[in-house]
Amino acid sequence: DPSKMIEQYMRDLTESLAEVKESTAA
């Protein structure tokens, strides 16, 4: 189901962004 997978991918990217933001701040 592309719709569900796209949503999952966006959630993964959002989580990754939080990690990148934290590391960037450090």
PDB file of all heavy atoms in Angstrom:
ATOM      1  N   ASP A   1       0.859  -1.185   0.000  1.00  0.00           N
ATOM      2  CA  ASP A   1       0.000   0.000   0.000  1.00  0.00           C
ATOM      3  C   ASP A   1       0.896   1.237   0.000  1.00  0.00           C
ATOM      4  O   ASP A   1       1.435   1.607   1.045  1.00  0.00           O
ATOM      5  CB  ASP A   1      -0.904  -0.005   1.229  1.00  0.00           C
ATOM      6  CG  ASP A   1      -1.946   1.107   1.178  1.00  0.00           C
ATOM      7  OD1 ASP A   1      -1.693   2.111   0.485  1.00  0.00           O
ATOM      8  OD2 ASP A   1      -2.994   0.965   1.819  1.00  0.00           O
ATOM      9  N   PRO A   2       1.076   1.875  -1.160  1.00  0.00           N
ATOM     10  CA  PRO A   2       1.975   3.040  -1.229  1.00  0.00           C
ATOM     11  C   PRO A   2       1.619   4.132  -0.237  1.00  0.00           C
ATOM     12  O   PRO A   2       2.512   4.780   0.316  1.00  0.00           O
ATOM     13  CB  PRO A   2       1.787   3.523  -2.677  1.00  0.00           C
ATOM     14  CG  PRO A   2       1.367   2.313  -3.425  1.00  0.00           C
ATOM     15  CD  PRO A   2       0.518   1.521  -2.462  1.00  0.00           C
ATOM     16  N   SER A   3       0.328   4.347   0.026  1.00  0.00           N
ATOM     17  CA  SER A   3      -0.083   5.401   0.954  1.00  0.00           C
ATOM     18  C   SER A   3       0.467   5.134   2.346  1.00  0.00           C
ATOM     19  O   SER A   3       1.021   6.027   2.997  1.00  0.00           O
ATOM     20  CB  SER A   3      -1.615   5.483   1.010  1.00  0.00           C
ATOM     21  OG  SER A   3      -2.141   5.859  -0.237  1.00  0.00           O
ATOM     22  N   LYS A   4       0.329   3.885   2.802  1.00  0.00           N
ATOM     23  CA  LYS A   4       0.822   3.545   4.137  1.00  0.00           C
ATOM     24  C   LYS A   4       2.341   3.621   4.190  1.00  0.00           C
ATOM     25  O   LYS A   4       2.915   4.082   5.183  1.00  0.00           O
ATOM     26  CB  LYS A   4       0.352   2.135   4.517  1.00  0.00           C
ATOM     27  CG  LYS A   4      -1.144   2.027   4.736  1.00  0.00           C
ATOM     28  CD  LYS A   4      -1.530   0.614   5.141  1.00  0.00           C
ATOM     29  CE  LYS A   4      -3.032   0.511   5.367  1.00  0.00           C
ATOM     30  NZ  LYS A   4      -3.435  -0.865   5.746  1.00  0.00           N
ATOM     31  N   MET A   5       3.009   3.164   3.135  1.00  0.00           N
ATOM     32  CA  MET A   5       4.463   3.175   3.131  1.00  0.00           C
ATOM     33  C   MET A   5       4.998   4.594   3.076  1.00  0.00           C
ATOM     34  O   MET A   5       6.018   4.912   3.696  1.00  0.00           O
ATOM     35  CB  MET A   5       4.988   2.359   1.946  1.00  0.00           C
ATOM     36  CG  MET A   5       4.695   0.860   2.047  1.00  0.00           C
ATOM     37  SD  MET A   5       5.210   0.125   3.620  1.00  0.00           S
ATOM     38  CE  MET A   5       6.980   0.434   3.569  1.00  0.00           C
ATOM     39  N   ILE A   6       4.323   5.468   2.354  1.00  0.00           N
ATOM     40  CA  ILE A   6       4.746   6.872   2.302  1.00  0.00           C
ATOM     41  C   ILE A   6       4.633   7.501   3.684  1.00  0.00           C
ATOM     42  O   ILE A   6       5.517   8.244   4.126  1.00  0.00           O
ATOM     43  CB  ILE A   6       3.894   7.646   1.274  1.00  0.00           C
ATOM     44  CG1 ILE A   6       4.327   7.268  -0.154  1.00  0.00           C
ATOM     45  CG2 ILE A   6       4.045   9.144   1.477  1.00  0.00           C
ATOM     46  CD1 ILE A   6       5.742   7.693  -0.499  1.00  0.00           C
ATOM     47  N   GLU A   7       3.542   7.209   4.375  1.00  0.00           N
ATOM     48  CA  GLU A   7       3.363   7.737   5.730  1.00  0.00           C
ATOM     49  C   GLU A   7       4.462   7.223   6.652  1.00  0.00           C
ATOM     50  O   GLU A   7       5.010   7.969   7.472  1.00  0.00           O
ATOM     51  CB  GLU A   7       1.982   7.341   6.278  1.00  0.00           C
ATOM     52  CG  GLU A   7       0.811   8.021   5.605  1.00  0.00           C
ATOM     53  CD  GLU A   7       0.727   9.495   5.944  1.00  0.00           C
ATOM     54  OE1 GLU A   7       1.506   9.984   6.782  1.00  0.00           O
ATOM     55  OE2 GLU A   7      -0.122  10.193   5.350  1.00  0.00           O
ATOM     56  N   GLN A   8       4.779   5.924   6.519  1.00  0.00           N
ATOM     57  CA  GLN A   8       5.837   5.349   7.347  1.00  0.00           C
ATOM     58  C   GLN A   8       7.175   5.987   7.037  1.00  0.00           C
ATOM     59  O   GLN A   8       7.970   6.290   7.937  1.00  0.00           O
ATOM     60  CB  GLN A   8       5.909   3.830   7.117  1.00  0.00           C
ATOM     61  CG  GLN A   8       6.967   3.121   7.963  1.00  0.00           C
ATOM     62  CD  GLN A   8       6.727   3.275   9.442  1.00  0.00           C
ATOM     63  OE1 GLN A   8       5.627   3.032   9.930  1.00  0.00           O
ATOM     64  NE2 GLN A   8       7.746   3.688  10.187  1.00  0.00           N
ATOM     65  N   TYR A   9       7.436   6.197   5.762  1.00  0.00           N
ATOM     66  CA  TYR A   9       8.700   6.815   5.355  1.00  0.00           C
ATOM     67  C   TYR A   9       8.808   8.231   5.903  1.00  0.00           C
ATOM     68  O   TYR A   9       9.874   8.645   6.388  1.00  0.00           O
ATOM     69  CB  TYR A   9       8.784   6.825   3.833  1.00  0.00           C
ATOM     70  CG  TYR A   9      10.064   7.444   3.310  1.00  0.00           C
ATOM     71  CD1 TYR A   9      11.300   6.922   3.655  1.00  0.00           C
ATOM     72  CD2 TYR A   9      10.035   8.562   2.482  1.00  0.00           C
ATOM     73  CE1 TYR A   9      12.472   7.490   3.191  1.00  0.00           C
ATOM     74  CE2 TYR A   9      11.201   9.130   2.017  1.00  0.00           C
ATOM     75  CZ  TYR A   9      12.411   8.587   2.377  1.00  0.00           C
ATOM     76  OH  TYR A   9      13.569   9.163   1.919  1.00  0.00           O
ATOM     77  N   MET A  10       7.712   8.983   5.891  1.00  0.00           N
ATOM     78  CA  MET A  10       7.733  10.336   6.420  1.00  0.00           C
ATOM     79  C   MET A  10       7.962  10.325   7.928  1.00  0.00           C
ATOM     80  O   MET A  10       8.676  11.176   8.476  1.00  0.00           O
ATOM     81  CB  MET A  10       6.422  11.054   6.102  1.00  0.00           C
ATOM     82  CG  MET A  10       6.195  11.317   4.621  1.00  0.00           C
ATOM     83  SD  MET A  10       7.527  12.273   3.852  1.00  0.00           S
ATOM     84  CE  MET A  10       7.422  13.815   4.768  1.00  0.00           C
ATOM     85  N   ARG A  11       7.376   9.339   8.625  1.00  0.00           N
ATOM     86  CA  ARG A  11       7.620   9.234  10.067  1.00  0.00           C
ATOM     87  C   ARG A  11       9.087   8.927  10.336  1.00  0.00           C
ATOM     88  O   ARG A  11       9.686   9.497  11.266  1.00  0.00           O
ATOM     89  CB  ARG A  11       6.728   8.144  10.678  1.00  0.00           C
ATOM     90  CG  ARG A  11       5.267   8.559  10.823  1.00  0.00           C
ATOM     91  CD  ARG A  11       4.509   7.584  11.708  1.00  0.00           C
ATOM     92  NE  ARG A  11       4.388   6.276  11.091  1.00  0.00           N
ATOM     93  CZ  ARG A  11       3.372   5.922  10.320  1.00  0.00           C
ATOM     94  NH1 ARG A  11       2.397   6.790  10.055  1.00  0.00           N
ATOM     95  NH2 ARG A  11       3.317   4.716   9.796  1.00  0.00           N
ATOM     96  N   ASP A  12       9.660   8.031   9.528  1.00  0.00           N
ATOM     97  CA  ASP A  12      11.079   7.700   9.704  1.00  0.00           C
ATOM     98  C   ASP A  12      11.960   8.920   9.465  1.00  0.00           C
ATOM     99  O   ASP A  12      12.927   9.164  10.202  1.00  0.00           O
ATOM    100  CB  ASP A  12      11.483   6.571   8.740  1.00  0.00           C
ATOM    101  CG  ASP A  12      10.828   5.241   9.096  1.00  0.00           C
ATOM    102  OD1 ASP A  12      10.330   5.128  10.242  1.00  0.00           O
ATOM    103  OD2 ASP A  12      10.794   4.340   8.248  1.00  0.00           O
ATOM    104  N   LEU A  13      11.638   9.681   8.441  1.00  0.00           N
ATOM    105  CA  LEU A  13      12.428  10.875   8.146  1.00  0.00           C
ATOM    106  C   LEU A  13      12.303  11.914   9.260  1.00  0.00           C
ATOM    107  O   LEU A  13      13.280  12.572   9.622  1.00  0.00           O
ATOM    108  CB  LEU A  13      11.978  11.496   6.817  1.00  0.00           C
ATOM    109  CG  LEU A  13      12.578  10.903   5.546  1.00  0.00           C
ATOM    110  CD1 LEU A  13      12.049  11.651   4.331  1.00  0.00           C
ATOM    111  CD2 LEU A  13      14.098  10.964   5.562  1.00  0.00           C
ATOM    112  N   THR A  14      11.107  12.046   9.808  1.00  0.00           N
ATOM    113  CA  THR A  14      10.900  13.006  10.896  1.00  0.00           C
ATOM    114  C   THR A  14      11.714  12.609  12.123  1.00  0.00           C
ATOM    115  O   THR A  14      12.316  13.455  12.790  1.00  0.00           O
ATOM    116  CB  THR A  14       9.410  13.092  11.255  1.00  0.00           C
ATOM    117  OG1 THR A  14       8.662  13.485  10.091  1.00  0.00           O
ATOM    118  CG2 THR A  14       9.167  14.109  12.358  1.00  0.00           C
ATOM    119  N   GLU A  15      11.729  11.298  12.417  1.00  0.00           N
ATOM    120  CA  GLU A  15      12.554  10.814  13.531  1.00  0.00           C
ATOM    121  C   GLU A  15      14.037  11.052  13.243  1.00  0.00           C
ATOM    122  O   GLU A  15      14.803  11.445  14.140  1.00  0.00           O
ATOM    123  CB  GLU A  15      12.289   9.331  13.768  1.00  0.00           C
ATOM    124  CG  GLU A  15      10.885   9.030  14.294  1.00  0.00           C
ATOM    125  CD  GLU A  15      10.618   7.549  14.413  1.00  0.00           C
ATOM    126  OE1 GLU A  15      11.549   6.758  14.120  1.00  0.00           O
ATOM    127  OE2 GLU A  15       9.499   7.166  14.794  1.00  0.00           O
ATOM    128  N   SER A  16      14.444  10.817  12.007  1.00  0.00           N
ATOM    129  CA  SER A  16      15.832  11.035  11.633  1.00  0.00           C
ATOM    130  C   SER A  16      16.204  12.509  11.748  1.00  0.00           C
ATOM    131  O   SER A  16      17.315  12.852  12.166  1.00  0.00           O
ATOM    132  CB  SER A  16      16.086  10.548  10.199  1.00  0.00           C
ATOM    133  OG  SER A  16      15.862   9.153  10.094  1.00  0.00           O
ATOM    134  N   LEU A  17      15.257  13.382  11.380  1.00  0.00           N
ATOM    135  CA  LEU A  17      15.506  14.813  11.486  1.00  0.00           C
ATOM    136  C   LEU A  17      15.765  15.212  12.932  1.00  0.00           C
ATOM    137  O   LEU A  17      16.640  16.041  13.219  1.00  0.00           O
ATOM    138  CB  LEU A  17      14.324  15.602  10.927  1.00  0.00           C
ATOM    139  CG  LEU A  17      14.410  17.126  11.061  1.00  0.00           C
ATOM    140  CD1 LEU A  17      15.642  17.654  10.335  1.00  0.00           C
ATOM    141  CD2 LEU A  17      13.142  17.780  10.527  1.00  0.00           C
ATOM    142  N   ALA A  18      15.011  14.617  13.862  1.00  0.00           N
ATOM    143  CA  ALA A  18      15.219  14.922  15.276  1.00  0.00           C
ATOM    144  C   ALA A  18      16.623  14.514  15.705  1.00  0.00           C
ATOM    145  O   ALA A  18      17.304  15.248  16.451  1.00  0.00           O
ATOM    146  CB  ALA A  18      14.164  14.204  16.120  1.00  0.00           C
ATOM    147  N   GLU A  19      17.099  13.354  15.214  1.00  0.00           N
ATOM    148  CA  GLU A  19      18.451  12.904  15.547  1.00  0.00           C
ATOM    149  C   GLU A  19      19.494  13.834  14.930  1.00  0.00           C
ATOM    150  O   GLU A  19      20.490  14.194  15.583  1.00  0.00           O
ATOM    151  CB  GLU A  19      18.665  11.473  15.051  1.00  0.00           C
ATOM    152  CG  GLU A  19      17.787  10.435  15.739  1.00  0.00           C
ATOM    153  CD  GLU A  19      18.066   9.039  15.214  1.00  0.00           C
ATOM    154  OE1 GLU A  19      19.252   8.722  14.981  1.00  0.00           O
ATOM    155  OE2 GLU A  19      17.115   8.269  15.011  1.00  0.00           O
ATOM    156  N   VAL A  20      19.275  14.200  13.686  1.00  0.00           N
ATOM    157  CA  VAL A  20      20.216  15.095  13.010  1.00  0.00           C
ATOM    158  C   VAL A  20      20.263  16.446  13.711  1.00  0.00           C
ATOM    159  O   VAL A  20      21.324  17.049  13.902  1.00  0.00           O
ATOM    160  CB  VAL A  20      19.823  15.269  11.522  1.00  0.00           C
ATOM    161  CG1 VAL A  20      20.643  16.377  10.876  1.00  0.00           C
ATOM    162  CG2 VAL A  20      20.031  13.958  10.766  1.00  0.00           C
ATOM    163  N   LYS A  21      19.098  16.937  14.107  1.00  0.00           N
ATOM    164  CA  LYS A  21      19.023  18.230  14.791  1.00  0.00           C
ATOM    165  C   LYS A  21      19.822  18.183  16.097  1.00  0.00           C
ATOM    166  O   LYS A  21      20.581  19.111  16.416  1.00  0.00           O
ATOM    167  CB  LYS A  21      17.561  18.586  15.057  1.00  0.00           C
ATOM    168  CG  LYS A  21      17.351  20.030  15.532  1.00  0.00           C
ATOM    169  CD  LYS A  21      15.884  20.274  15.856  1.00  0.00           C
ATOM    170  CE  LYS A  21      15.021  20.143  14.631  1.00  0.00           C
ATOM    171  NZ  LYS A  21      15.257  21.233  13.648  1.00  0.00           N
ATOM    172  N   GLU A  22      19.662  17.089  16.847  1.00  0.00           N
ATOM    173  CA  GLU A  22      20.379  16.949  18.115  1.00  0.00           C
ATOM    174  C   GLU A  22      21.887  16.881  17.883  1.00  0.00           C
ATOM    175  O   GLU A  22      22.667  17.536  18.586  1.00  0.00           O
ATOM    176  CB  GLU A  22      19.888  15.694  18.839  1.00  0.00           C
ATOM    177  CG  GLU A  22      20.526  15.484  20.209  1.00  0.00           C
ATOM    178  CD  GLU A  22      19.968  14.260  20.923  1.00  0.00           C
ATOM    179  OE1 GLU A  22      18.988  13.667  20.431  1.00  0.00           O
ATOM    180  OE2 GLU A  22      20.529  13.898  21.973  1.00  0.00           O
ATOM    181  N   SER A  23      22.292  16.088  16.900  1.00  0.00           N
ATOM    182  CA  SER A  23      23.728  15.965  16.613  1.00  0.00           C
ATOM    183  C   SER A  23      24.295  17.277  16.075  1.00  0.00           C
ATOM    184  O   SER A  23      25.431  17.657  16.401  1.00  0.00           O
ATOM    185  CB  SER A  23      23.967  14.841  15.602  1.00  0.00           C
ATOM    186  OG  SER A  23      23.595  13.588  16.139  1.00  0.00           O
ATOM    187  N   THR A  24      23.508  17.959  15.245  1.00  0.00           N
ATOM    188  CA  THR A  24      23.960  19.242  14.703  1.00  0.00           C
ATOM    189  C   THR A  24      24.163  20.251  15.822  1.00  0.00           C
ATOM    190  O   THR A  24      25.152  20.999  15.839  1.00  0.00           O
ATOM    191  CB  THR A  24      22.944  19.788  13.689  1.00  0.00           C
ATOM    192  OG1 THR A  24      22.781  18.853  12.628  1.00  0.00           O
ATOM    193  CG2 THR A  24      23.409  21.117  13.117  1.00  0.00           C
ATOM    194  N   ALA A  25      23.239  20.261  16.770  1.00  0.00           N
ATOM    195  CA  ALA A  25      23.358  21.179  17.904  1.00  0.00           C
ATOM    196  C   ALA A  25      24.619  20.876  18.699  1.00  0.00           C
ATOM    197  O   ALA A  25      25.336  21.797  19.146  1.00  0.00           O
ATOM    198  CB  ALA A  25      22.125  21.073  18.801  1.00  0.00           C
ATOM    199  N   ALA A  26      24.925  19.565  18.887  1.00  0.00           N
ATOM    200  CA  ALA A  26      26.120  19.185  19.635  1.00  0.00           C
ATOM    201  C   ALA A  26      27.389  19.638  18.905  1.00  0.00           C
ATOM    202  O   ALA A  26      28.341  20.138  19.530  1.00  0.00           O
ATOM    203  CB  ALA A  26      26.143  17.675  19.846  1.00  0.00           C
TER     204      ALA A  26
END
